[in-house]
C-alpha atoms as a PDB file:
ATOM      1  CA  MET A   1      -4.717  12.003 -19.426  1.00  0.00           C
ATOM      2  CA  ASN A   2      -1.580  13.901 -20.447  1.00  0.00           C
ATOM      3  CA  ASN A   3       2.784  12.763 -19.786  1.00  0.00           C
ATOM      4  CA  ASN A   4       2.645  15.251 -16.839  1.00  0.00           C
ATOM      5  CA  THR A   5       0.285  14.034 -14.563  1.00  0.00           C
ATOM      6  CA  VAL A   6       2.224  10.732 -13.360  1.00  0.00           C
ATOM      7  CA  ASN A   7       5.431  12.546 -13.190  1.00  0.00           C
ATOM      8  CA  LYS A   8       3.455  15.486 -10.977  1.00  0.00           C
ATOM      9  CA  CYS A   9       2.308  12.460  -8.683  1.00  0.00           C
ATOM     10  CA  LEU A  10       5.714  11.265  -7.677  1.00  0.00           C
ATOM     11  CA  SER A  11       7.337  14.520  -7.728  1.00  0.00           C
ATOM     12  CA  LEU A  12       4.706  15.662  -5.034  1.00  0.00           C
ATOM     13  CA  PHE A  13       5.134  12.911  -3.003  1.00  0.00           C
ATOM     14  CA  GLU A  14       8.924  13.342  -3.273  1.00  0.00           C
ATOM     15  CA  ASP A  15       7.958  16.735  -1.656  1.00  0.00           C
ATOM     16  CA  PHE A  16       5.746  15.353   0.753  1.00  0.00           C
ATOM     17  CA  LEU A  17       8.643  13.646   2.191  1.00  0.00           C
ATOM     18  CA  THR A  18      11.244  16.236   1.590  1.00  0.00           C
ATOM     19  CA  ASP A  19       8.770  18.500   3.685  1.00  0.00           C
ATOM     20  CA  LYS A  20       6.684  16.464   5.780  1.00  0.00           C
ATOM     21  CA  VAL A  21       8.224  13.497   7.064  1.00  0.00           C
ATOM     22  CA  ASP A  22      10.654  13.284   9.974  1.00  0.00           C
ATOM     23  CA  ASN A  23      11.581   9.731  10.422  1.00  0.00           C
ATOM     24  CA  HIS A  24      14.824   8.928   9.264  1.00  0.00           C
ATOM     25  CA  LEU A  25      13.968   6.156   6.824  1.00  0.00           C
ATOM     26  CA  LYS A  26      12.268   8.528   4.379  1.00  0.00           C
ATOM     27  CA  GLU A  27      15.817   8.660   2.899  1.00  0.00           C
ATOM     28  CA  TYR A  28      15.152   5.105   1.388  1.00  0.00           C
ATOM     29  CA  PHE A  29      11.928   6.337  -0.153  1.00  0.00           C
ATOM     30  CA  LYS A  30      13.840   9.462  -1.629  1.00  0.00           C
ATOM     31  CA  ASP A  31      16.613   7.154  -2.853  1.00  0.00           C
ATOM     32  CA  GLU A  32      14.013   5.291  -4.954  1.00  0.00           C
ATOM     33  CA  LEU A  33      11.961   7.817  -6.817  1.00  0.00           C
ATOM     34  CA  LYS A  34      15.479   9.629  -7.513  1.00  0.00           C
ATOM     35  CA  SER A  35      16.416   6.687  -9.286  1.00  0.00           C
ATOM     36  CA  LEU A  36      13.400   6.849 -11.109  1.00  0.00           C
ATOM     37  CA  GLU A  37      14.163   9.906 -12.337  1.00  0.00           C
ATOM     38  CA  ARG A  38      14.898   9.016 -15.921  1.00  0.00           C
ATOM     39  CA  VAL A  39      12.111   6.704 -16.461  1.00  0.00           C
ATOM     40  CA  LYS A  40       9.868   9.177 -14.742  1.00  0.00           C
ATOM     41  CA  ASN A  41      11.061  11.488 -17.792  1.00  0.00           C
ATOM     42  CA  THR A  42      10.505   9.315 -20.639  1.00  0.00           C
ATOM     43  CA  ALA A  43       7.874   6.175 -19.657  1.00  0.00           C
ATOM     44  CA  MET A  44       4.846   8.559 -20.395  1.00  0.00           C
ATOM     45  CA  SER A  45       5.464   9.769 -23.670  1.00  0.00           C
ATOM     46  CA  ILE A  46       6.413   6.581 -25.107  1.00  0.00           C
ATOM     47  CA  SER A  47       2.928   5.482 -24.341  1.00  0.00           C
ATOM     48  CA  GLN A  48      -0.167   6.832 -23.314  1.00  0.00           C
ATOM     49  CA  PRO A  49      -2.524   5.047 -20.444  1.00  0.00           C
ATOM     50  CA  LYS A  50      -6.257   5.101 -21.955  1.00  0.00           C
ATOM     51  CA  LYS A  51      -8.630   5.328 -19.319  1.00  0.00           C
ATOM     52  CA  ILE A  52     -10.046   2.217 -17.587  1.00  0.00           C
ATOM     53  CA  ASN A  53     -13.263   0.891 -16.149  1.00  0.00           C
ATOM     54  CA  ILE A  54     -12.513   0.880 -12.375  1.00  0.00           C
ATOM     55  CA  PRO A  55     -14.261  -1.312  -9.833  1.00  0.00           C
ATOM     56  CA  GLU A  56     -17.344  -0.042  -9.032  1.00  0.00           C
ATOM     57  CA  ILE A  57     -16.707  -0.213  -4.859  1.00  0.00           C
ATOM     58  CA  VAL A  58     -13.854   2.372  -5.572  1.00  0.00           C
ATOM     59  CA  LYS A  59     -16.205   4.528  -8.407  1.00  0.00           C
ATOM     60  CA  GLU A  60     -18.987   5.332  -6.331  1.00  0.00           C
ATOM     61  CA  TYR A  61     -16.634   5.996  -3.335  1.00  0.00           C
ATOM     62  CA  VAL A  62     -14.095   8.151  -5.516  1.00  0.00           C
ATOM     63  CA  SER A  63     -17.552   9.837  -7.234  1.00  0.00           C
ATOM     64  CA  ASN A  64     -18.835  10.889  -3.303  1.00  0.00           C
ATOM     65  CA  LEU A  65     -15.811  12.044  -2.403  1.00  0.00           C
ATOM     66  CA  ASP A  66     -15.846  15.738  -1.138  1.00  0.00           C
ATOM     67  CA  ARG A  67     -14.215  17.747  -4.063  1.00  0.00           C
ATOM     68  CA  SER A  68     -12.168  19.746  -1.870  1.00  0.00           C
ATOM     69  CA  ILE A  69      -9.953  16.901  -0.904  1.00  0.00           C
ATOM     70  CA  GLY A  70      -8.307  17.685  -4.353  1.00  0.00           C
ATOM     71  CA  ASP A  71      -7.791  21.009  -3.291  1.00  0.00           C
ATOM     72  CA  SER A  72      -6.579  20.730   0.169  1.00  0.00           C
ATOM     73  CA  THR A  73      -3.177  20.005  -1.344  1.00  0.00           C
ATOM     74  CA  GLU A  74      -1.473  19.316  -4.488  1.00  0.00           C
ATOM     75  CA  LEU A  75      -0.685  15.962  -3.973  1.00  0.00           C
ATOM     76  CA  ASN A  76      -3.886  14.847  -3.023  1.00  0.00           C
ATOM     77  CA  ALA A  77      -5.417  16.876  -6.547  1.00  0.00           C
ATOM     78  CA  ALA A  78      -2.365  15.142  -8.401  1.00  0.00           C
ATOM     79  CA  LEU A  79      -3.714  11.640  -6.745  1.00  0.00           C
ATOM     80  CA  LEU A  80      -6.958  12.370  -7.302  1.00  0.00           C
ATOM     81  CA  ASP A  81      -6.519  13.001 -10.909  1.00  0.00           C
ATOM     82  CA  VAL A  82      -4.263   9.555 -11.564  1.00  0.00           C
ATOM     83  CA  VAL A  83      -7.387   7.434  -9.869  1.00  0.00           C
ATOM     84  CA  PRO A  84      -9.379   6.871 -13.060  1.00  0.00           C
ATOM     85  CA  PHE A  85      -5.965   5.748 -14.982  1.00  0.00           C
ATOM     86  CA  LEU A  86      -5.516   2.802 -12.812  1.00  0.00           C
ATOM     87  CA  GLU A  87      -5.409  -0.864 -13.635  1.00  0.00           C
ATOM     88  CA  TRP A  88      -7.518  -1.547 -10.407  1.00  0.00           C
ATOM     89  CA  TYR A  89      -7.495  -5.281  -8.836  1.00  0.00           C
ATOM     90  CA  GLN A  90      -8.190  -7.434  -6.140  1.00  0.00           C
ATOM     91  CA  ILE A  91      -5.078  -8.282  -4.012  1.00  0.00           C
ATOM     92  CA  PHE A  92      -6.240 -11.221  -2.621  1.00  0.00           C
ATOM     93  CA  GLU A  93      -8.305 -13.967  -3.835  1.00  0.00           C
ATOM     94  CA  SER A  94      -8.536 -17.282  -1.675  1.00  0.00           C
ATOM     95  CA  LYS A  95     -11.245 -19.445  -0.606  1.00  0.00           C
ATOM     96  CA  GLU A  96      -8.998 -19.300   2.877  1.00  0.00           C
ATOM     97  CA  ILE A  97      -9.734 -15.391   4.066  1.00  0.00           C
ATOM     98  CA  ASP A  98     -13.412 -13.690   4.363  1.00  0.00           C
ATOM     99  CA  PRO A  99     -15.289 -12.842   1.109  1.00  0.00           C
ATOM    100  CA  SER A 100     -16.154  -9.323   2.592  1.00  0.00           C
ATOM    101  CA  LEU A 101     -12.061  -9.117   3.342  1.00  0.00           C
ATOM    102  CA  SER A 102     -10.875 -10.148  -0.244  1.00  0.00           C
ATOM    103  CA  LYS A 103     -13.626  -8.072  -1.993  1.00  0.00           C
ATOM    104  CA  GLY A 104     -12.516  -4.948   0.164  1.00  0.00           C
ATOM    105  CA  LEU A 105      -8.962  -4.696  -0.385  1.00  0.00           C
ATOM    106  CA  LEU A 106      -7.723  -3.216  -3.906  1.00  0.00           C
ATOM    107  CA  ALA A 107      -5.163  -1.751  -5.402  1.00  0.00           C
ATOM    108  CA  GLY A 108      -3.791   0.489  -8.180  1.00  0.00           C
ATOM    109  CA  GLN A 109      -0.249   0.435  -9.110  1.00  0.00           C
ATOM    110  CA  ILE A 110       1.511   3.896 -10.555  1.00  0.00           C
ATOM    111  CA  VAL A 111       5.162   2.200 -10.325  1.00  0.00           C
ATOM    112  CA  GLY A 112       4.866  -0.976 -10.583  1.00  0.00           C
ATOM    113  CA  LYS A 113       4.983  -4.803 -12.805  1.00  0.00           C
ATOM    114  CA  ARG A 114       1.441  -3.410 -13.629  1.00  0.00           C
ATOM    115  CA  GLY A 115       1.859   0.302 -13.199  1.00  0.00           C
ATOM    116  CA  LEU A 116       1.428   3.173 -15.683  1.00  0.00           C
ATOM    117  CA  ILE A 117       5.471   3.025 -15.206  1.00  0.00           C
ATOM    118  CA  LYS A 118       6.918  -0.285 -15.281  1.00  0.00           C
ATOM    119  CA  SER A 119       9.517  -1.804 -12.239  1.00  0.00           C
ATOM    120  CA  ASP A 120      10.658  -4.137 -10.337  1.00  0.00           C
ATOM    121  CA  LYS A 121      13.333  -1.555  -8.048  1.00  0.00           C
ATOM    122  CA  PHE A 122       9.364  -0.949  -5.915  1.00  0.00           C
ATOM    123  CA  TYR A 123       6.282  -0.544  -5.622  1.00  0.00           C
ATOM    124  CA  MET A 124       3.623   2.418  -5.482  1.00  0.00           C
ATOM    125  CA  GLY A 125       0.578   3.445  -6.067  1.00  0.00           C
ATOM    126  CA  LEU A 126      -3.121   3.751  -4.423  1.00  0.00           C
ATOM    127  CA  PHE A 127      -4.576   1.492  -1.917  1.00  0.00           C
ATOM    128  CA  PHE A 128      -8.473   1.101  -1.220  1.00  0.00           C
ATOM    129  CA  LEU A 129      -9.940  -0.346   1.771  1.00  0.00           C
ATOM    130  CA  SER A 130     -13.891  -0.942   2.518  1.00  0.00           C
ATOM    131  CA  GLN A 131     -15.400   0.354   5.868  1.00  0.00           C
ATOM    132  CA  GLU A 132     -14.943  -1.768   8.570  1.00  0.00           C
ATOM    133  CA  ILE A 133     -12.102  -3.998   7.288  1.00  0.00           C
ATOM    134  CA  HIS A 134      -9.157  -5.862   8.955  1.00  0.00           C
ATOM    135  CA  TYR A 135      -6.490  -6.701   7.039  1.00  0.00           C
ATOM    136  CA  PRO A 136      -4.878  -9.029  10.141  1.00  0.00           C
ATOM    137  CA  LEU A 137      -1.713  -9.143  11.127  1.00  0.00           C
ATOM    138  CA  HIS A 138       1.019  -9.433   8.362  1.00  0.00           C
ATOM    139  CA  GLN A 139       4.766  -8.872   7.577  1.00  0.00           C
ATOM    140  CA  HIS A 140       6.412  -8.399   4.585  1.00  0.00           C
ATOM    141  CA  ASN A 141      10.012  -7.476   3.888  1.00  0.00           C
ATOM    142  CA  PRO A 142       9.498  -4.112   2.088  1.00  0.00           C
ATOM    143  CA  LEU A 143       9.557  -0.799   3.997  1.00  0.00           C
ATOM    144  CA  GLU A 144       6.332   0.692   3.438  1.00  0.00           C
ATOM    145  CA  ILE A 145       4.823   3.728   4.020  1.00  0.00           C
ATOM    146  CA  TYR A 146       1.737   4.821   3.730  1.00  0.00           C
ATOM    147  CA  TYR A 147      -0.059   8.172   2.831  1.00  0.00           C
ATOM    148  CA  VAL A 148      -3.741   8.544   4.006  1.00  0.00           C
ATOM    149  CA  PHE A 149      -5.206  10.237   0.831  1.00  0.00           C
ATOM    150  CA  SER A 150      -9.151   9.982   2.152  1.00  0.00           C
ATOM    151  CA  GLY A 151     -10.171   8.422   5.224  1.00  0.00           C
ATOM    152  CA  THR A 152      -8.972   7.414   8.250  1.00  0.00           C
ATOM    153  CA  LEU A 153      -6.873   4.297   9.115  1.00  0.00           C
ATOM    154  CA  GLN A 154      -5.978   2.589  12.641  1.00  0.00           C
ATOM    155  CA  ILE A 155      -3.069   0.806  12.326  1.00  0.00           C
ATOM    156  CA  GLN A 156      -1.347  -1.622  14.984  1.00  0.00           C
ATOM    157  CA  HIS A 157       2.682  -2.548  15.320  1.00  0.00           C
ATOM    158  CA  GLY A 158       2.802  -6.013  16.977  1.00  0.00           C
ATOM    159  CA  ARG A 159       0.083  -7.904  18.833  1.00  0.00           C
ATOM    160  CA  GLN A 160       0.416  -6.160  22.529  1.00  0.00           C
ATOM    161  CA  LYS A 161       1.343  -2.467  21.390  1.00  0.00           C
ATOM    162  CA  LEU A 162      -1.736   0.114  21.292  1.00  0.00           C
ATOM    163  CA  PRO A 163      -3.086   0.614  17.510  1.00  0.00           C
ATOM    164  CA  PHE A 164      -2.578   4.501  16.223  1.00  0.00           C
ATOM    165  CA  ILE A 165      -5.151   6.288  13.727  1.00  0.00           C
ATOM    166  CA  VAL A 166      -3.790   8.066  10.710  1.00  0.00           C
ATOM    167  CA  GLU A 167      -6.031  10.621   9.336  1.00  0.00           C
ATOM    168  CA  THR A 168      -6.053  12.367   5.678  1.00  0.00           C
ATOM    169  CA  GLY A 169      -3.362  13.553   4.676  1.00  0.00           C
ATOM    170  CA  ASP A 170      -1.000  12.196   7.741  1.00  0.00           C
ATOM    171  CA  TYR A 171       0.969   9.532   6.984  1.00  0.00           C
ATOM    172  CA  SER A 172       2.899   5.763   8.824  1.00  0.00           C
ATOM    173  CA  ILE A 173       6.493   4.084   8.358  1.00  0.00           C
ATOM    174  CA  THR A 174       6.180   0.284   9.110  1.00  0.00           C
ATOM    175  CA  PRO A 175       9.605  -1.353   9.418  1.00  0.00           C
ATOM    176  CA  CYS A 176      11.003  -4.147   7.457  1.00  0.00           C
ATOM    177  CA  ASN A 177       9.405  -7.136   8.466  1.00  0.00           C
ATOM    178  CA  GLN A 178       7.634  -5.404  11.237  1.00  0.00           C
ATOM    179  CA  VAL A 179       4.146  -7.204  11.698  1.00  0.00           C
ATOM    180  CA  HIS A 180       1.312  -4.944  11.818  1.00  0.00           C
ATOM    181  CA  SER A 181      -2.510  -4.949  10.824  1.00  0.00           C
ATOM    182  CA  LEU A 182      -4.692  -2.213   9.468  1.00  0.00           C
ATOM    183  CA  THR A 183      -8.429  -1.798  10.063  1.00  0.00           C
ATOM    184  CA  THR A 184     -10.721   0.677   9.043  1.00  0.00           C
ATOM    185  CA  LYS A 185     -13.788   1.714  10.632  1.00  0.00           C
ATOM    186  CA  GLU A 186     -17.369   3.535   9.327  1.00  0.00           C
ATOM    187  CA  GLU A 187     -15.744   4.766   6.382  1.00  0.00           C
ATOM    188  CA  PRO A 188     -13.573   3.447   3.610  1.00  0.00           C
ATOM    189  CA  CYS A 189      -9.994   4.711   2.923  1.00  0.00           C
ATOM    190  CA  ILE A 190      -7.696   4.994   0.234  1.00  0.00           C
ATOM    191  CA  LEU A 191      -3.631   5.063   0.710  1.00  0.00           C
ATOM    192  CA  CYS A 192      -0.759   5.710  -1.356  1.00  0.00           C
ATOM    193  CA  TYR A 193       1.734   3.415  -0.838  1.00  0.00           C
ATOM    194  CA  MET A 194       5.073   3.249  -1.696  1.00  0.00           C
ATOM    195  CA  TRP A 195       7.273  -0.458  -1.214  1.00  0.00           C
ATOM    196  CA  VAL A 196      10.876  -0.266  -1.215  1.00  0.00           C
ATOM    197  CA  LYS A 197      13.716  -2.785  -0.027  1.00  0.00           C
ATOM    198  CA  GLY A 198      14.707  -0.381   2.493  1.00  0.00           C
ATOM    199  CA  TYR A 199      17.534  -2.297   4.885  1.00  0.00           C
ATOM    200  CA  GLY A 200      15.794  -5.150   4.219  1.00  0.00           C
ATOM    201  CA  LYS A 201      14.399  -7.182   0.679  1.00  0.00           C
ATOM    202  CA  LEU A 202      11.859  -5.918  -1.905  1.00  0.00           C
ATOM    203  CA  HIS A 203      10.778  -9.268  -2.787  1.00  0.00           C
ATOM    204  CA  GLY A 204       9.726 -12.328  -0.603  1.00  0.00           C
ATOM    205  CA  PRO A 205       6.106 -13.566   1.475  1.00  0.00           C
ATOM    206  CA  ASN A 206       3.954 -11.586   2.846  1.00  0.00           C
ATOM    207  CA  TRP A 207       3.099 -13.236   5.847  1.00  0.00           C
ATOM    208  CA  TRP A 208      -0.047 -13.567   7.906  1.00  0.00           C
ATOM    209  CA  TRP A 209      -0.286 -14.554  11.392  1.00  0.00           C
ATOM    210  CA  LYS A 210      -3.324 -16.292  12.559  1.00  0.00           C
ATOM    211  CA  GLU A 211      -4.064 -17.607  16.616  1.00  0.00           C
ATOM    212  CA  GLN A 212      -4.924 -21.359  16.587  1.00  0.00           C
ATOM    213  CA  LYS A 213      -7.528 -22.935  18.551  1.00  0.00           C
ATOM    214  CA  ASN A 214      -5.414 -23.794  20.762  1.00  0.00           C
ATOM    215  CA  GLY A 215      -3.418 -20.682  21.647  1.00  0.00           C
ATOM    216  CA  THR A 216      -0.804 -21.304  19.398  1.00  0.00           C
ATOM    217  CA  TRP A 217      -0.016 -19.183  16.778  1.00  0.00           C
ATOM    218  CA  LYS A 218       1.166 -19.909  12.981  1.00  0.00           C
ATOM    219  CA  ARG A 219       2.040 -17.751  10.404  1.00  0.00           C
ATOM    220  CA  VAL A 220       0.325 -18.054   6.327  1.00  0.00           C
ATOM    221  CA  CYS A 221       2.859 -17.720   3.591  1.00  0.00           C
ATOM    222  CA  TRP A 222       1.574 -15.628   0.890  1.00  0.00           C
ATOM    223  CA  GLU A 223       3.217 -15.082  -2.362  1.00  0.00           C
ATOM    224  CA  ARG A 224       3.027 -12.196  -5.208  1.00  0.00           C
ATOM    225  CA  GLN A 225       2.754 -13.429  -8.353  1.00  0.00           C
ATOM    226  CA  PRO A 226       3.687 -12.952 -11.869  1.00  0.00           C
ATOM    227  CA  ASP A 227       0.676 -10.809 -11.824  1.00  0.00           C
ATOM    228  CA  SER A 228       1.057  -8.826  -8.595  1.00  0.00           C
ATOM    229  CA  TYR A 229      -1.717 -10.869  -7.261  1.00  0.00           C
ATOM    230  CA  TRP A 230      -1.109 -12.636  -3.703  1.00  0.00           C
ATOM    231  CA  LYS A 231      -1.586 -16.794  -3.384  1.00  0.00           C
ATOM    232  CA  ILE A 232      -0.872 -18.734  -0.446  1.00  0.00           C
ATOM    233  CA  THR A 233       2.225 -21.080  -0.587  1.00  0.00           C
ATOM    234  CA  GLY A 234       2.431 -22.749   2.802  1.00  0.00           C
ATOM    235  CA  SER A 235       2.330 -22.346   7.048  1.00  0.00           C
ATOM    236  CA  GLU A 236       4.997 -22.724   9.838  1.00  0.00           C
ATOM    237  CA  GLU A 237       4.568 -22.426  13.361  1.00  0.00           C
ATOM    238  CA  LEU A 238       5.585 -19.171  14.768  1.00  0.00           C
ATOM    239  CA  THR A 239       9.100 -19.590  16.506  1.00  0.00           C
ATOM    240  CA  ASP A 240      10.827 -17.175  19.345  1.00  0.00           C
ATOM    241  CA  ASP A 241      13.596 -15.953  16.323  1.00  0.00           C
ATOM    242  CA  ILE A 242      10.371 -15.227  14.081  1.00  0.00           C
ATOM    243  CA  ILE A 243       8.679 -13.281  16.954  1.00  0.00           C
ATOM    244  CA  ASP A 244      12.177 -11.667  17.974  1.00  0.00           C
ATOM    245  CA  LEU A 245      12.777 -10.587  14.790  1.00  0.00           C
ATOM    246  CA  SER A 246       9.117  -9.371  14.110  1.00  0.00           C
ATOM    247  CA  GLY A 247       8.881  -5.769  16.153  1.00  0.00           C
ATOM    248  CA  ASP A 248       6.053  -7.583  18.158  1.00  0.00           C
ATOM    249  CA  SER A 249       7.055  -6.347  21.600  1.00  0.00           C
END
């Protein structure tokens, strides 16, 4: 991989935000990408990333993709080029969640603490979800954008709102602290994601909402560790104040 591959991904993602994204929140993402200008122009010439082994589940899916996906847009082609060079890892490792879920969620950072470009200002990379995965209701401080690189994703904001579908080449924006869930169906899905602080904070817990047997709800606290994995550190009951600030209704 030459020095321009990652820079091209960043530039094309910025172009996508400018040309395609009509939400005013896109300015937060554009501002962060622009702030990386000096780093992205120098970091890749300092050290050349080496090809690494990627998880078999990701490797098999990508190898079976219709190669025309890379021709559909320049952004897709650039993302496809960077897949083999990312340090892919399983995001959640805990006996508290179903193995099919934990093993079916993998990420590879383009920008971040584990990224090809190191940064603690924002995170950007690829997120792989296996088929028939349900990533349950959760919320976090950062503002989040998903660009669907391949496959189809169902997203639901809040417990009562109708879910919506994001298909290949389209995007979604999840506001800071908005409770949401992700679901795939018969086919896996790969997203290009970007987390920025937006009008909240970049760092902080990822809260999973969980209904109890008696009908009440609590939220489980996952916190990002220095190696970017997430670990359960506690839980609490959902209060009216938490619900009111979550975009649940």
